[in-house]
Amino acid sequence: MYMVIGEQRMPGDGPEEQRAQFAHMAEVVRQSPGFVRGWWGPDHADAETGHALVLFDSLEHATEFTATVERYVSDVRLRVMAVDVTVNAE
């Protein structure tokens, strides 16, 4: 699996608007080929910065998603990470 790690400046209209924006982003990403799971939220130290962690089933799907986002969103920083090890709390 591959994770896309994103960082972007968010609208400064407050937490409610940011939650709505995160929910919209989640709904759009959920329709992407190979989507497995995702997390969205504001930065703890800088509430105007949003983060996204989106898990895909393959490198191909992760890089296709990254290219699409970069085509339409100018102020986003994206990285693709191979997920080699996972662990859950027991």
C-alpha atoms as a PDB file:
ATOM      1  CA  MET A   1       0.000   0.000   0.000  1.00  0.00           C
ATOM      2  CA  TYR A   2       0.992   3.619  -0.480  1.00  0.00           C
ATOM      3  CA  MET A   3       0.091   6.707   1.494  1.00  0.00           C
ATOM      4  CA  VAL A   4      -0.232  10.206   0.084  1.00  0.00           C
ATOM      5  CA  ILE A   5       0.702  12.778   2.711  1.00  0.00           C
ATOM      6  CA  GLY A   6      -0.681  16.236   1.997  1.00  0.00           C
ATOM      7  CA  GLU A   7      -0.283  19.684   3.482  1.00  0.00           C
ATOM      8  CA  GLN A   8      -2.200  22.768   2.408  1.00  0.00           C
ATOM      9  CA  ARG A   9      -3.188  26.223   3.645  1.00  0.00           C
ATOM     10  CA  MET A  10      -6.827  26.162   4.671  1.00  0.00           C
ATOM     11  CA  PRO A  11      -9.432  28.902   4.645  1.00  0.00           C
ATOM     12  CA  GLY A  12      -9.133  31.052   7.759  1.00  0.00           C
ATOM     13  CA  ASP A  13     -12.902  31.206   8.263  1.00  0.00           C
ATOM     14  CA  GLY A  14     -12.852  29.093  11.407  1.00  0.00           C
ATOM     15  CA  PRO A  15     -13.094  25.466  12.499  1.00  0.00           C
ATOM     16  CA  GLU A  16     -16.620  24.868  11.154  1.00  0.00           C
ATOM     17  CA  GLU A  17     -15.645  25.929   7.641  1.00  0.00           C
ATOM     18  CA  GLN A  18     -12.470  23.870   7.828  1.00  0.00           C
ATOM     19  CA  ARG A  19     -14.407  20.770   8.902  1.00  0.00           C
ATOM     20  CA  ALA A  20     -16.757  21.314   5.976  1.00  0.00           C
ATOM     21  CA  GLN A  21     -13.765  21.609   3.622  1.00  0.00           C
ATOM     22  CA  PHE A  22     -12.183  18.444   5.048  1.00  0.00           C
ATOM     23  CA  ALA A  23     -15.501  16.599   4.650  1.00  0.00           C
ATOM     24  CA  HIS A  24     -15.717  17.738   1.023  1.00  0.00           C
ATOM     25  CA  MET A  25     -12.138  16.627   0.363  1.00  0.00           C
ATOM     26  CA  ALA A  26     -12.868  13.249   1.950  1.00  0.00           C
ATOM     27  CA  GLU A  27     -15.955  12.706  -0.183  1.00  0.00           C
ATOM     28  CA  VAL A  28     -14.044  13.536  -3.387  1.00  0.00           C
ATOM     29  CA  VAL A  29     -11.073  11.332  -2.465  1.00  0.00           C
ATOM     30  CA  ARG A  30     -13.306   8.425  -1.476  1.00  0.00           C
ATOM     31  CA  GLN A  31     -14.306   8.122  -5.142  1.00  0.00           C
ATOM     32  CA  SER A  32     -10.683   7.812  -6.311  1.00  0.00           C
ATOM     33  CA  PRO A  33      -9.548   4.474  -7.745  1.00  0.00           C
ATOM     34  CA  GLY A  34      -7.658   2.392  -5.193  1.00  0.00           C
ATOM     35  CA  PHE A  35      -8.748   4.453  -2.187  1.00  0.00           C
ATOM     36  CA  VAL A  36      -8.436   2.461   1.060  1.00  0.00           C
ATOM     37  CA  ARG A  37      -8.712   4.929   3.953  1.00  0.00           C
ATOM     38  CA  GLY A  38      -8.090   8.589   4.769  1.00  0.00           C
ATOM     39  CA  TRP A  39      -7.608  11.090   7.575  1.00  0.00           C
ATOM     40  CA  TRP A  40      -7.964  14.892   7.449  1.00  0.00           C
ATOM     41  CA  GLY A  41      -7.419  17.564  10.079  1.00  0.00           C
ATOM     42  CA  PRO A  42      -5.813  20.859  11.055  1.00  0.00           C
ATOM     43  CA  ASP A  43      -2.249  21.263  12.239  1.00  0.00           C
ATOM     44  CA  HIS A  44      -2.010  21.456  16.030  1.00  0.00           C
ATOM     45  CA  ALA A  45       0.402  24.433  16.015  1.00  0.00           C
ATOM     46  CA  ASP A  46      -0.999  26.241  12.950  1.00  0.00           C
ATOM     47  CA  ALA A  47      -4.768  25.904  12.516  1.00  0.00           C
ATOM     48  CA  GLU A  48      -4.600  27.455   9.034  1.00  0.00           C
ATOM     49  CA  THR A  49      -2.613  24.465   7.774  1.00  0.00           C
ATOM     50  CA  GLY A  50      -4.492  21.290   6.960  1.00  0.00           C
ATOM     51  CA  HIS A  51      -3.102  17.796   6.654  1.00  0.00           C
ATOM     52  CA  ALA A  52      -4.339  14.736   4.830  1.00  0.00           C
ATOM     53  CA  LEU A  53      -3.189  11.140   5.012  1.00  0.00           C
ATOM     54  CA  VAL A  54      -4.722   9.030   2.258  1.00  0.00           C
ATOM     55  CA  LEU A  55      -4.025   5.332   1.839  1.00  0.00           C
ATOM     56  CA  PHE A  56      -4.149   3.699  -1.615  1.00  0.00           C
ATOM     57  CA  ASP A  57      -3.867   0.080  -2.679  1.00  0.00           C
ATOM     58  CA  SER A  58      -1.054   0.657  -5.201  1.00  0.00           C
ATOM     59  CA  LEU A  59       1.688   3.040  -6.231  1.00  0.00           C
ATOM     60  CA  GLU A  60      -0.104   3.591  -9.524  1.00  0.00           C
ATOM     61  CA  HIS A  61      -3.280   4.806  -7.804  1.00  0.00           C
ATOM     62  CA  ALA A  62      -1.342   6.970  -5.340  1.00  0.00           C
ATOM     63  CA  THR A  63       0.668   8.680  -8.082  1.00  0.00           C
ATOM     64  CA  GLU A  64      -2.408   9.152 -10.293  1.00  0.00           C
ATOM     65  CA  PHE A  65      -4.223  10.778  -7.380  1.00  0.00           C
ATOM     66  CA  THR A  66      -1.217  13.000  -6.608  1.00  0.00           C
ATOM     67  CA  ALA A  67      -0.943  14.152 -10.230  1.00  0.00           C
ATOM     68  CA  THR A  68      -4.656  14.980 -10.356  1.00  0.00           C
ATOM     69  CA  VAL A  69      -4.566  17.010  -7.130  1.00  0.00           C
ATOM     70  CA  GLU A  70      -1.435  18.897  -8.194  1.00  0.00           C
ATOM     71  CA  ARG A  71      -3.124  19.751 -11.500  1.00  0.00           C
ATOM     72  CA  TYR A  72      -6.072  21.445  -9.762  1.00  0.00           C
ATOM     73  CA  VAL A  73      -4.720  22.667  -6.410  1.00  0.00           C
ATOM     74  CA  SER A  74      -1.830  25.103  -6.571  1.00  0.00           C
ATOM     75  CA  ASP A  75      -0.916  25.501  -2.892  1.00  0.00           C
ATOM     76  CA  VAL A  76      -0.687  21.846  -1.903  1.00  0.00           C
ATOM     77  CA  ARG A  77       2.408  19.869  -0.920  1.00  0.00           C
ATOM     78  CA  LEU A  78       2.105  16.120  -1.519  1.00  0.00           C
ATOM     79  CA  ARG A  79       4.415  13.203  -0.845  1.00  0.00           C
ATOM     80  CA  VAL A  80       3.932   9.526  -1.664  1.00  0.00           C
ATOM     81  CA  MET A  81       5.159   7.059   0.938  1.00  0.00           C
ATOM     82  CA  ALA A  82       5.425   3.279   0.689  1.00  0.00           C
ATOM     83  CA  VAL A  83       3.787   1.615   3.680  1.00  0.00           C
ATOM     84  CA  ASP A  84       6.171  -1.180   4.641  1.00  0.00           C
ATOM     85  CA  VAL A  85       5.166  -1.831   8.249  1.00  0.00           C
ATOM     86  CA  THR A  86       1.870  -1.319  10.067  1.00  0.00           C
ATOM     87  CA  VAL A  87       0.977  -1.826  13.713  1.00  0.00           C
ATOM     88  CA  ASN A  88      -2.256  -1.589  15.688  1.00  0.00           C
ATOM     89  CA  ALA A  89      -2.804  -1.051  19.391  1.00  0.00           C
ATOM     90  CA  GLU A  90      -3.756  -4.241  21.143  1.00  0.00           C
END
